[in-house]
Amino acid sequence: MTKLDGHWHRHQDTAGDHSMAENYSIEVWNVQFYKVDDDGNALLNADGSVKLFDSDIDVSTIAEGMTDGDLVEVGSIYQ
């Protein structure tokens, strides 16, 4: 795994045209963290937005065991 532009990428032999691929594995694109106090209140920035954090820890294992049925396309969540 390699972190590139803030995202973890698994090295694969990907010869050929990606648009013609028939099988896809489920991978992690982006993970952010936030902090909460004992009451569950998020740590905030000065403007009132939630303070978000990144990490260099490889969290790609959270996708292990997931199936297509576990996924909801991001665009469809907000429609």
PDB file of N, CA and C in Angstrom:
ATOM      1  N   MET A   1       0.850  -1.175   0.000  1.00  0.00           N
ATOM      2  CA  MET A   1       0.000   0.000   0.000  1.00  0.00           C
ATOM      3  C   MET A   1       0.898   1.242   0.000  1.00  0.00           C
ATOM      4  N   THR A   2       0.452   2.255  -0.696  1.00  0.00           N
ATOM      5  CA  THR A   2       1.168   3.513  -0.766  1.00  0.00           C
ATOM      6  C   THR A   2       0.181   4.645  -0.577  1.00  0.00           C
ATOM      7  N   LYS A   3       0.557   5.645   0.219  1.00  0.00           N
ATOM      8  CA  LYS A   3      -0.304   6.811   0.385  1.00  0.00           C
ATOM      9  C   LYS A   3       0.092   7.841  -0.666  1.00  0.00           C
ATOM     10  N   LEU A   4      -0.868   8.229  -1.495  1.00  0.00           N
ATOM     11  CA  LEU A   4      -0.630   9.176  -2.572  1.00  0.00           C
ATOM     12  C   LEU A   4      -1.748  10.202  -2.541  1.00  0.00           C
ATOM     13  N   ASP A   5      -1.396  11.467  -2.456  1.00  0.00           N
ATOM     14  CA  ASP A   5      -2.393  12.539  -2.411  1.00  0.00           C
ATOM     15  C   ASP A   5      -3.411  12.324  -1.290  1.00  0.00           C
ATOM     16  N   GLY A   6      -2.959  11.794  -0.155  1.00  0.00           N
ATOM     17  CA  GLY A   6      -3.840  11.598   0.984  1.00  0.00           C
ATOM     18  C   GLY A   6      -4.704  10.362   0.917  1.00  0.00           C
ATOM     19  N   HIS A   7      -4.515   9.504  -0.099  1.00  0.00           N
ATOM     20  CA  HIS A   7      -5.331   8.308  -0.258  1.00  0.00           C
ATOM     21  C   HIS A   7      -4.411   7.092  -0.347  1.00  0.00           C
ATOM     22  N   TRP A   8      -4.845   5.988   0.238  1.00  0.00           N
ATOM     23  CA  TRP A   8      -4.069   4.748   0.197  1.00  0.00           C
ATOM     24  C   TRP A   8      -4.374   4.009  -1.096  1.00  0.00           C
ATOM     25  N   HIS A   9      -3.332   3.515  -1.758  1.00  0.00           N
ATOM     26  CA  HIS A   9      -3.479   2.788  -3.014  1.00  0.00           C
ATOM     27  C   HIS A   9      -2.757   1.452  -2.910  1.00  0.00           C
ATOM     28  N   ARG A  10      -3.423   0.394  -3.324  1.00  0.00           N
ATOM     29  CA  ARG A  10      -2.829  -0.935  -3.346  1.00  0.00           C
ATOM     30  C   ARG A  10      -2.150  -1.113  -4.690  1.00  0.00           C
ATOM     31  N   HIS A  11      -0.920  -1.644  -4.659  1.00  0.00           N
ATOM     32  CA  HIS A  11      -0.195  -1.885  -5.904  1.00  0.00           C
ATOM     33  C   HIS A  11      -0.764  -3.118  -6.584  1.00  0.00           C
ATOM     34  N   GLN A  12      -1.089  -2.998  -7.866  1.00  0.00           N
ATOM     35  CA  GLN A  12      -1.661  -4.104  -8.623  1.00  0.00           C
ATOM     36  C   GLN A  12      -1.037  -4.131 -10.007  1.00  0.00           C
ATOM     37  N   ASP A  13      -1.044  -5.288 -10.620  1.00  0.00           N
ATOM     38  CA  ASP A  13      -0.674  -5.387 -12.027  1.00  0.00           C
ATOM     39  C   ASP A  13      -1.905  -4.978 -12.808  1.00  0.00           C
ATOM     40  N   THR A  14      -1.884  -3.771 -13.350  1.00  0.00           N
ATOM     41  CA  THR A  14      -3.082  -3.221 -13.982  1.00  0.00           C
ATOM     42  C   THR A  14      -2.858  -2.973 -15.466  1.00  0.00           C
ATOM     43  N   ALA A  15      -2.237  -3.914 -16.148  1.00  0.00           N
ATOM     44  CA  ALA A  15      -2.015  -3.754 -17.582  1.00  0.00           C
ATOM     45  C   ALA A  15      -3.346  -3.694 -18.301  1.00  0.00           C
ATOM     46  N   GLY A  16      -3.438  -2.847 -19.291  1.00  0.00           N
ATOM     47  CA  GLY A  16      -4.658  -2.768 -20.083  1.00  0.00           C
ATOM     48  C   GLY A  16      -5.508  -1.567 -19.732  1.00  0.00           C
ATOM     49  N   ASP A  17      -6.654  -1.495 -20.341  1.00  0.00           N
ATOM     50  CA  ASP A  17      -7.579  -0.380 -20.200  1.00  0.00           C
ATOM     51  C   ASP A  17      -8.434  -0.556 -18.954  1.00  0.00           C
ATOM     52  N   HIS A  18      -8.329   0.376 -17.992  1.00  0.00           N
ATOM     53  CA  HIS A  18      -9.102   0.295 -16.739  1.00  0.00           C
ATOM     54  C   HIS A  18     -10.603   0.350 -16.998  1.00  0.00           C
ATOM     55  N   SER A  19     -11.021   1.056 -18.017  1.00  0.00           N
ATOM     56  CA  SER A  19     -12.455   1.187 -18.272  1.00  0.00           C
ATOM     57  C   SER A  19     -13.066  -0.134 -18.729  1.00  0.00           C
ATOM     58  N   MET A  20     -12.253  -1.076 -19.136  1.00  0.00           N
ATOM     59  CA  MET A  20     -12.755  -2.367 -19.603  1.00  0.00           C
ATOM     60  C   MET A  20     -12.695  -3.435 -18.504  1.00  0.00           C
ATOM     61  N   ALA A  21     -12.245  -3.074 -17.295  1.00  0.00           N
ATOM     62  CA  ALA A  21     -12.137  -4.045 -16.210  1.00  0.00           C
ATOM     63  C   ALA A  21     -13.511  -4.580 -15.841  1.00  0.00           C
ATOM     64  N   GLU A  22     -13.585  -5.875 -15.577  1.00  0.00           N
ATOM     65  CA  GLU A  22     -14.854  -6.502 -15.224  1.00  0.00           C
ATOM     66  C   GLU A  22     -15.000  -6.718 -13.725  1.00  0.00           C
ATOM     67  N   ASN A  23     -13.898  -6.861 -13.006  1.00  0.00           N
ATOM     68  CA  ASN A  23     -13.936  -7.130 -11.577  1.00  0.00           C
ATOM     69  C   ASN A  23     -13.282  -5.986 -10.822  1.00  0.00           C
ATOM     70  N   TYR A  24     -13.945  -5.546  -9.771  1.00  0.00           N
ATOM     71  CA  TYR A  24     -13.415  -4.482  -8.935  1.00  0.00           C
ATOM     72  C   TYR A  24     -13.369  -4.955  -7.494  1.00  0.00           C
ATOM     73  N   SER A  25     -12.313  -4.596  -6.780  1.00  0.00           N
ATOM     74  CA  SER A  25     -12.256  -4.863  -5.349  1.00  0.00           C
ATOM     75  C   SER A  25     -12.698  -3.600  -4.613  1.00  0.00           C
ATOM     76  N   ILE A  26     -13.137  -3.751  -3.390  1.00  0.00           N
ATOM     77  CA  ILE A  26     -13.569  -2.620  -2.578  1.00  0.00           C
ATOM     78  C   ILE A  26     -12.359  -2.124  -1.793  1.00  0.00           C
ATOM     79  N   GLU A  27     -12.051  -0.855  -1.927  1.00  0.00           N
ATOM     80  CA  GLU A  27     -10.898  -0.235  -1.275  1.00  0.00           C
ATOM     81  C   GLU A  27     -11.351   1.008  -0.520  1.00  0.00           C
ATOM     82  N   VAL A  28     -10.485   1.560   0.297  1.00  0.00           N
ATOM     83  CA  VAL A  28     -10.763   2.778   1.060  1.00  0.00           C
ATOM     84  C   VAL A  28     -10.245   3.974   0.269  1.00  0.00           C
ATOM     85  N   TRP A  29     -11.110   4.976   0.061  1.00  0.00           N
ATOM     86  CA  TRP A  29     -10.707   6.177  -0.674  1.00  0.00           C
ATOM     87  C   TRP A  29     -10.230   7.272   0.276  1.00  0.00           C
ATOM     88  N   ASN A  30     -10.998   7.554   1.315  1.00  0.00           N
ATOM     89  CA  ASN A  30     -10.659   8.662   2.186  1.00  0.00           C
ATOM     90  C   ASN A  30     -11.245   8.417   3.573  1.00  0.00           C
ATOM     91  N   VAL A  31     -10.467   8.711   4.599  1.00  0.00           N
ATOM     92  CA  VAL A  31     -10.943   8.604   5.979  1.00  0.00           C
ATOM     93  C   VAL A  31     -10.467   9.849   6.714  1.00  0.00           C
ATOM     94  N   GLN A  32     -11.368  10.466   7.465  1.00  0.00           N
ATOM     95  CA  GLN A  32     -11.007  11.587   8.318  1.00  0.00           C
ATOM     96  C   GLN A  32     -11.479  11.284   9.726  1.00  0.00           C
ATOM     97  N   PHE A  33     -10.829  11.910  10.687  1.00  0.00           N
ATOM     98  CA  PHE A  33     -11.138  11.683  12.093  1.00  0.00           C
ATOM     99  C   PHE A  33     -11.527  13.003  12.748  1.00  0.00           C
ATOM    100  N   TYR A  34     -12.299  12.904  13.825  1.00  0.00           N
ATOM    101  CA  TYR A  34     -12.591  14.082  14.639  1.00  0.00           C
ATOM    102  C   TYR A  34     -12.561  13.666  16.097  1.00  0.00           C
ATOM    103  N   LYS A  35     -12.459  14.655  16.992  1.00  0.00           N
ATOM    104  CA  LYS A  35     -12.370  14.387  18.426  1.00  0.00           C
ATOM    105  C   LYS A  35     -13.660  14.833  19.109  1.00  0.00           C
ATOM    106  N   VAL A  36     -14.065  14.077  20.136  1.00  0.00           N
ATOM    107  CA  VAL A  36     -15.226  14.435  20.946  1.00  0.00           C
ATOM    108  C   VAL A  36     -14.843  14.418  22.421  1.00  0.00           C
ATOM    109  N   ASP A  37     -15.560  15.222  23.215  1.00  0.00           N
ATOM    110  CA  ASP A  37     -15.342  15.203  24.661  1.00  0.00           C
ATOM    111  C   ASP A  37     -16.188  14.096  25.295  1.00  0.00           C
ATOM    112  N   ASP A  38     -16.168  14.015  26.607  1.00  0.00           N
ATOM    113  CA  ASP A  38     -16.896  12.953  27.327  1.00  0.00           C
ATOM    114  C   ASP A  38     -18.402  12.990  27.096  1.00  0.00           C
ATOM    115  N   ASP A  39     -18.929  14.154  26.701  1.00  0.00           N
ATOM    116  CA  ASP A  39     -20.357  14.287  26.440  1.00  0.00           C
ATOM    117  C   ASP A  39     -20.705  14.057  24.973  1.00  0.00           C
ATOM    118  N   GLY A  40     -19.701  13.761  24.139  1.00  0.00           N
ATOM    119  CA  GLY A  40     -19.946  13.518  22.727  1.00  0.00           C
ATOM    120  C   GLY A  40     -19.937  14.761  21.858  1.00  0.00           C
ATOM    121  N   ASN A  41     -19.525  15.903  22.439  1.00  0.00           N
ATOM    122  CA  ASN A  41     -19.456  17.147  21.674  1.00  0.00           C
ATOM    123  C   ASN A  41     -18.163  17.209  20.870  1.00  0.00           C
ATOM    124  N   ALA A  42     -18.276  17.511  19.583  1.00  0.00           N
ATOM    125  CA  ALA A  42     -17.115  17.556  18.704  1.00  0.00           C
ATOM    126  C   ALA A  42     -16.241  18.765  19.007  1.00  0.00           C
ATOM    127  N   LEU A  43     -14.932  18.583  18.861  1.00  0.00           N
ATOM    128  CA  LEU A  43     -13.980  19.689  18.932  1.00  0.00           C
ATOM    129  C   LEU A  43     -14.203  20.549  17.696  1.00  0.00           C
ATOM    130  N   LEU A  44     -14.332  21.865  17.896  1.00  0.00           N
ATOM    131  CA  LEU A  44     -14.689  22.762  16.805  1.00  0.00           C
ATOM    132  C   LEU A  44     -13.559  23.714  16.446  1.00  0.00           C
ATOM    133  N   ASN A  45     -13.562  24.151  15.200  1.00  0.00           N
ATOM    134  CA  ASN A  45     -12.694  25.231  14.742  1.00  0.00           C
ATOM    135  C   ASN A  45     -13.293  26.550  15.226  1.00  0.00           C
ATOM    136  N   ALA A  46     -12.536  27.637  15.086  1.00  0.00           N
ATOM    137  CA  ALA A  46     -12.998  28.957  15.517  1.00  0.00           C
ATOM    138  C   ALA A  46     -14.286  29.374  14.806  1.00  0.00           C
ATOM    139  N   ASP A  47     -14.492  28.877  13.565  1.00  0.00           N
ATOM    140  CA  ASP A  47     -15.704  29.253  12.813  1.00  0.00           C
ATOM    141  C   ASP A  47     -16.907  28.362  13.136  1.00  0.00           C
ATOM    142  N   GLY A  48     -16.746  27.420  14.070  1.00  0.00           N
ATOM    143  CA  GLY A  48     -17.847  26.557  14.484  1.00  0.00           C
ATOM    144  C   GLY A  48     -17.947  25.238  13.731  1.00  0.00           C
ATOM    145  N   SER A  49     -17.124  25.054  12.712  1.00  0.00           N
ATOM    146  CA  SER A  49     -17.132  23.785  11.975  1.00  0.00           C
ATOM    147  C   SER A  49     -16.358  22.725  12.755  1.00  0.00           C
ATOM    148  N   VAL A  50     -16.643  21.475  12.477  1.00  0.00           N
ATOM    149  CA  VAL A  50     -15.965  20.372  13.156  1.00  0.00           C
ATOM    150  C   VAL A  50     -14.514  20.324  12.700  1.00  0.00           C
ATOM    151  N   LYS A  51     -13.592  20.237  13.663  1.00  0.00           N
ATOM    152  CA  LYS A  51     -12.156  20.156  13.364  1.00  0.00           C
ATOM    153  C   LYS A  51     -11.857  18.727  12.920  1.00  0.00           C
ATOM    154  N   LEU A  52     -11.371  18.565  11.695  1.00  0.00           N
ATOM    155  CA  LEU A  52     -11.086  17.253  11.122  1.00  0.00           C
ATOM    156  C   LEU A  52      -9.591  16.982  11.104  1.00  0.00           C
ATOM    157  N   PHE A  53      -9.242  15.705  11.204  1.00  0.00           N
ATOM    158  CA  PHE A  53      -7.851  15.276  11.244  1.00  0.00           C
ATOM    159  C   PHE A  53      -7.621  14.142  10.248  1.00  0.00           C
ATOM    160  N   ASP A  54      -6.410  14.070   9.725  1.00  0.00           N
ATOM    161  CA  ASP A  54      -5.951  12.951   8.902  1.00  0.00           C
ATOM    162  C   ASP A  54      -4.934  12.166   9.700  1.00  0.00           C
ATOM    163  N   SER A  55      -4.541  11.014   9.199  1.00  0.00           N
ATOM    164  CA  SER A  55      -3.530  10.181   9.835  1.00  0.00           C
ATOM    165  C   SER A  55      -2.757   9.437   8.761  1.00  0.00           C
ATOM    166  N   ASP A  56      -1.529   9.086   9.077  1.00  0.00           N
ATOM    167  CA  ASP A  56      -0.724   8.276   8.168  1.00  0.00           C
ATOM    168  C   ASP A  56      -0.924   6.781   8.417  1.00  0.00           C
ATOM    169  N   ILE A  57      -1.799   6.429   9.330  1.00  0.00           N
ATOM    170  CA  ILE A  57      -2.063   5.021   9.636  1.00  0.00           C
ATOM    171  C   ILE A  57      -2.829   4.392   8.475  1.00  0.00           C
ATOM    172  N   ASP A  58      -2.410   3.216   8.051  1.00  0.00           N
ATOM    173  CA  ASP A  58      -3.078   2.490   6.965  1.00  0.00           C
ATOM    174  C   ASP A  58      -4.375   1.896   7.501  1.00  0.00           C
ATOM    175  N   VAL A  59      -5.510   2.437   7.070  1.00  0.00           N
ATOM    176  CA  VAL A  59      -6.819   1.956   7.512  1.00  0.00           C
ATOM    177  C   VAL A  59      -7.525   1.155   6.420  1.00  0.00           C
ATOM    178  N   SER A  60      -6.777   0.734   5.412  1.00  0.00           N
ATOM    179  CA  SER A  60      -7.377   0.023   4.282  1.00  0.00           C
ATOM    180  C   SER A  60      -8.038  -1.287   4.701  1.00  0.00           C
ATOM    181  N   THR A  61      -7.664  -1.833   5.845  1.00  0.00           N
ATOM    182  CA  THR A  61      -8.237  -3.109   6.278  1.00  0.00           C
ATOM    183  C   THR A  61      -9.713  -3.008   6.636  1.00  0.00           C
ATOM    184  N   ILE A  62     -10.246  -1.798   6.824  1.00  0.00           N
ATOM    185  CA  ILE A  62     -11.663  -1.688   7.172  1.00  0.00           C
ATOM    186  C   ILE A  62     -12.557  -2.149   6.029  1.00  0.00           C
ATOM    187  N   ALA A  63     -12.018  -2.241   4.819  1.00  0.00           N
ATOM    188  CA  ALA A  63     -12.810  -2.686   3.672  1.00  0.00           C
ATOM    189  C   ALA A  63     -12.815  -4.207   3.531  1.00  0.00           C
ATOM    190  N   GLU A  64     -11.978  -4.894   4.290  1.00  0.00           N
ATOM    191  CA  GLU A  64     -11.921  -6.355   4.183  1.00  0.00           C
ATOM    192  C   GLU A  64     -13.258  -6.974   4.573  1.00  0.00           C
ATOM    193  N   GLY A  65     -13.731  -7.882   3.777  1.00  0.00           N
ATOM    194  CA  GLY A  65     -14.978  -8.576   4.052  1.00  0.00           C
ATOM    195  C   GLY A  65     -16.212  -7.849   3.553  1.00  0.00           C
ATOM    196  N   MET A  66     -16.048  -6.642   3.027  1.00  0.00           N
ATOM    197  CA  MET A  66     -17.200  -5.906   2.499  1.00  0.00           C
ATOM    198  C   MET A  66     -17.609  -6.484   1.148  1.00  0.00           C
ATOM    199  N   THR A  67     -18.890  -6.366   0.847  1.00  0.00           N
ATOM    200  CA  THR A  67     -19.407  -6.812  -0.440  1.00  0.00           C
ATOM    201  C   THR A  67     -20.098  -5.633  -1.121  1.00  0.00           C
ATOM    202  N   ASP A  68     -20.464  -5.807  -2.371  1.00  0.00           N
ATOM    203  CA  ASP A  68     -21.177  -4.759  -3.101  1.00  0.00           C
ATOM    204  C   ASP A  68     -22.452  -4.347  -2.366  1.00  0.00           C
ATOM    205  N   GLY A  69     -23.093  -5.279  -1.680  1.00  0.00           N
ATOM    206  CA  GLY A  69     -24.320  -4.988  -0.951  1.00  0.00           C
ATOM    207  C   GLY A  69     -24.119  -4.057   0.232  1.00  0.00           C
ATOM    208  N   ASP A  70     -22.878  -3.907   0.698  1.00  0.00           N
ATOM    209  CA  ASP A  70     -22.578  -3.009   1.810  1.00  0.00           C
ATOM    210  C   ASP A  70     -22.403  -1.563   1.355  1.00  0.00           C
ATOM    211  N   LEU A  71     -22.345  -1.334   0.050  1.00  0.00           N
ATOM    212  CA  LEU A  71     -22.030  -0.016  -0.481  1.00  0.00           C
ATOM    213  C   LEU A  71     -23.254   0.734  -0.955  1.00  0.00           C
ATOM    214  N   VAL A  72     -23.246   2.048  -0.772  1.00  0.00           N
ATOM    215  CA  VAL A  72     -24.252   2.950  -1.323  1.00  0.00           C
ATOM    216  C   VAL A  72     -23.476   4.020  -2.065  1.00  0.00           C
ATOM    217  N   GLU A  73     -23.790   4.220  -3.341  1.00  0.00           N
ATOM    218  CA  GLU A  73     -23.080   5.207  -4.130  1.00  0.00           C
ATOM    219  C   GLU A  73     -23.226   6.586  -3.502  1.00  0.00           C
ATOM    220  N   VAL A  74     -22.123   7.322  -3.366  1.00  0.00           N
ATOM    221  CA  VAL A  74     -22.116   8.599  -2.659  1.00  0.00           C
ATOM    222  C   VAL A  74     -23.159   9.561  -3.208  1.00  0.00           C
ATOM    223  N   GLY A  75     -23.261   9.724  -4.499  1.00  0.00           N
ATOM    224  CA  GLY A  75     -24.243  10.629  -5.080  1.00  0.00           C
ATOM    225  C   GLY A  75     -25.667  10.281  -4.705  1.00  0.00           C
ATOM    226  N   SER A  76     -25.976   8.994  -4.510  1.00  0.00           N
ATOM    227  CA  SER A  76     -27.345   8.588  -4.208  1.00  0.00           C
ATOM    228  C   SER A  76     -27.714   8.859  -2.753  1.00  0.00           C
ATOM    229  N   ILE A  77     -26.741   9.091  -1.904  1.00  0.00           N
ATOM    230  CA  ILE A  77     -27.022   9.374  -0.489  1.00  0.00           C
ATOM    231  C   ILE A  77     -27.693  10.739  -0.363  1.00  0.00           C
ATOM    232  N   TYR A  78     -27.309  11.681  -1.196  1.00  0.00           N
ATOM    233  CA  TYR A  78     -27.782  13.055  -1.084  1.00  0.00           C
ATOM    234  C   TYR A  78     -28.949  13.380  -1.989  1.00  0.00           C
ATOM    235  N   GLN A  79     -29.502  12.406  -2.679  1.00  0.00           N
ATOM    236  CA  GLN A  79     -30.610  12.651  -3.604  1.00  0.00           C
ATOM    237  C   GLN A  79     -31.934  12.371  -2.944  1.00  0.00           C
TER     238      GLN A  79
END
